[in-house]
Amino acid sequence: MVVDDKAGIRGTIDLSGAQWQRGSQATGDGDHLEIAFVEGHIAMRNSADPDGPVLLFTPAEWEAFVLGARDGEFDEP
């Protein structure tokens, strides 16, 4: 069973004024992940498709993601 835990906020957060940020290692205009802090959530998108899909995270979800990345949870073997 798939649960959409963002159904209540999907389409209600205004991203038009979002200030998108890239990591300090990102250079040029290639594909990069960008994040923005909007209305108490963290939004993530692909810079190569700025009008494409946006992922939304709660602060707790974002913290878990960042901690997992720091611990190497997402590193390739």
C-alpha atoms as a PDB file:
ATOM      1  CA  MET A   1       0.000   0.000   0.000  1.00  0.00           C
ATOM      2  CA  VAL A   2       1.376   3.406  -1.010  1.00  0.00           C
ATOM      3  CA  VAL A   3       0.740   6.294   1.367  1.00  0.00           C
ATOM      4  CA  ASP A   4       1.021   9.882   0.122  1.00  0.00           C
ATOM      5  CA  ASP A   5       1.986  11.716   3.288  1.00  0.00           C
ATOM      6  CA  LYS A   6       2.247  15.039   1.398  1.00  0.00           C
ATOM      7  CA  ALA A   7      -1.264  14.904  -0.095  1.00  0.00           C
ATOM      8  CA  GLY A   8      -2.468  17.598   2.298  1.00  0.00           C
ATOM      9  CA  ILE A   9       0.149  20.135   1.219  1.00  0.00           C
ATOM     10  CA  ARG A  10       0.789  19.153  -2.402  1.00  0.00           C
ATOM     11  CA  GLY A  11      -0.154  22.085  -4.619  1.00  0.00           C
ATOM     12  CA  THR A  12      -0.622  24.476  -1.695  1.00  0.00           C
ATOM     13  CA  ILE A  13       2.982  25.608  -1.204  1.00  0.00           C
ATOM     14  CA  ASP A  14       3.912  28.594  -3.363  1.00  0.00           C
ATOM     15  CA  LEU A  15       7.334  27.986  -4.893  1.00  0.00           C
ATOM     16  CA  SER A  16       7.260  31.056  -7.170  1.00  0.00           C
ATOM     17  CA  GLY A  17       9.389  33.120  -4.779  1.00  0.00           C
ATOM     18  CA  ALA A  18      11.673  30.295  -3.674  1.00  0.00           C
ATOM     19  CA  GLN A  19      15.372  31.123  -3.460  1.00  0.00           C
ATOM     20  CA  TRP A  20      16.964  27.994  -4.898  1.00  0.00           C
ATOM     21  CA  GLN A  21      20.458  27.076  -3.689  1.00  0.00           C
ATOM     22  CA  ARG A  22      23.101  24.719  -5.032  1.00  0.00           C
ATOM     23  CA  GLY A  23      25.872  23.048  -3.104  1.00  0.00           C
ATOM     24  CA  SER A  24      29.249  24.780  -2.987  1.00  0.00           C
ATOM     25  CA  GLN A  25      30.735  22.045  -5.225  1.00  0.00           C
ATOM     26  CA  ALA A  26      28.240  22.723  -8.063  1.00  0.00           C
ATOM     27  CA  THR A  27      29.754  24.492 -11.058  1.00  0.00           C
ATOM     28  CA  GLY A  28      28.408  25.476 -14.458  1.00  0.00           C
ATOM     29  CA  ASP A  29      24.905  24.994 -15.774  1.00  0.00           C
ATOM     30  CA  GLY A  30      24.796  21.179 -15.782  1.00  0.00           C
ATOM     31  CA  ASP A  31      22.421  18.999 -13.809  1.00  0.00           C
ATOM     32  CA  HIS A  32      22.527  19.866 -10.129  1.00  0.00           C
ATOM     33  CA  LEU A  33      20.199  19.383  -7.219  1.00  0.00           C
ATOM     34  CA  GLU A  34      18.846  22.616  -5.821  1.00  0.00           C
ATOM     35  CA  ILE A  35      17.062  23.154  -2.529  1.00  0.00           C
ATOM     36  CA  ALA A  36      14.890  25.931  -1.141  1.00  0.00           C
ATOM     37  CA  PHE A  37      13.439  26.497   2.318  1.00  0.00           C
ATOM     38  CA  VAL A  38       9.769  27.347   1.794  1.00  0.00           C
ATOM     39  CA  GLU A  39       6.902  27.610   4.269  1.00  0.00           C
ATOM     40  CA  GLY A  40       8.487  25.308   6.849  1.00  0.00           C
ATOM     41  CA  HIS A  41       9.462  22.664   4.292  1.00  0.00           C
ATOM     42  CA  ILE A  42      12.515  21.894   2.198  1.00  0.00           C
ATOM     43  CA  ALA A  43      11.949  21.691  -1.549  1.00  0.00           C
ATOM     44  CA  MET A  44      14.344  19.903  -3.916  1.00  0.00           C
ATOM     45  CA  ARG A  45      14.512  20.048  -7.715  1.00  0.00           C
ATOM     46  CA  ASN A  46      16.808  19.330 -10.661  1.00  0.00           C
ATOM     47  CA  SER A  47      18.387  22.547 -11.960  1.00  0.00           C
ATOM     48  CA  ALA A  48      18.241  21.230 -15.535  1.00  0.00           C
ATOM     49  CA  ASP A  49      14.430  21.067 -15.280  1.00  0.00           C
ATOM     50  CA  PRO A  50      13.409  24.006 -13.052  1.00  0.00           C
ATOM     51  CA  ASP A  51       9.754  23.730 -14.080  1.00  0.00           C
ATOM     52  CA  GLY A  52       9.729  19.972 -13.488  1.00  0.00           C
ATOM     53  CA  PRO A  53       8.788  18.008 -10.397  1.00  0.00           C
ATOM     54  CA  VAL A  54       9.715  19.217  -6.921  1.00  0.00           C
ATOM     55  CA  LEU A  55      10.180  16.954  -3.916  1.00  0.00           C
ATOM     56  CA  LEU A  56       9.012  18.288  -0.545  1.00  0.00           C
ATOM     57  CA  PHE A  57      10.489  17.253   2.789  1.00  0.00           C
ATOM     58  CA  THR A  58       9.521  18.024   6.356  1.00  0.00           C
ATOM     59  CA  PRO A  59      12.354  19.268   8.570  1.00  0.00           C
ATOM     60  CA  ALA A  60      12.531  15.810  10.236  1.00  0.00           C
ATOM     61  CA  GLU A  61      12.750  14.051   6.865  1.00  0.00           C
ATOM     62  CA  TRP A  62      15.443  16.464   5.699  1.00  0.00           C
ATOM     63  CA  GLU A  63      17.469  15.944   8.867  1.00  0.00           C
ATOM     64  CA  ALA A  64      17.288  12.159   8.421  1.00  0.00           C
ATOM     65  CA  PHE A  65      18.423  12.523   4.795  1.00  0.00           C
ATOM     66  CA  VAL A  66      21.349  14.799   5.681  1.00  0.00           C
ATOM     67  CA  LEU A  67      22.478  12.539   8.537  1.00  0.00           C
ATOM     68  CA  GLY A  68      22.262   9.484   6.256  1.00  0.00           C
ATOM     69  CA  ALA A  69      24.316  11.248   3.585  1.00  0.00           C
ATOM     70  CA  ARG A  70      26.958  12.224   6.150  1.00  0.00           C
ATOM     71  CA  ASP A  71      27.147   8.617   7.347  1.00  0.00           C
ATOM     72  CA  GLY A  72      27.636   7.343   3.788  1.00  0.00           C
ATOM     73  CA  GLU A  73      24.274   5.604   3.660  1.00  0.00           C
ATOM     74  CA  PHE A  74      23.803   6.573   0.010  1.00  0.00           C
ATOM     75  CA  ASP A  75      27.376   5.983  -1.206  1.00  0.00           C
ATOM     76  CA  GLU A  76      27.916   3.525  -4.028  1.00  0.00           C
ATOM     77  CA  PRO A  77      29.672   0.322  -2.960  1.00  0.00           C
END
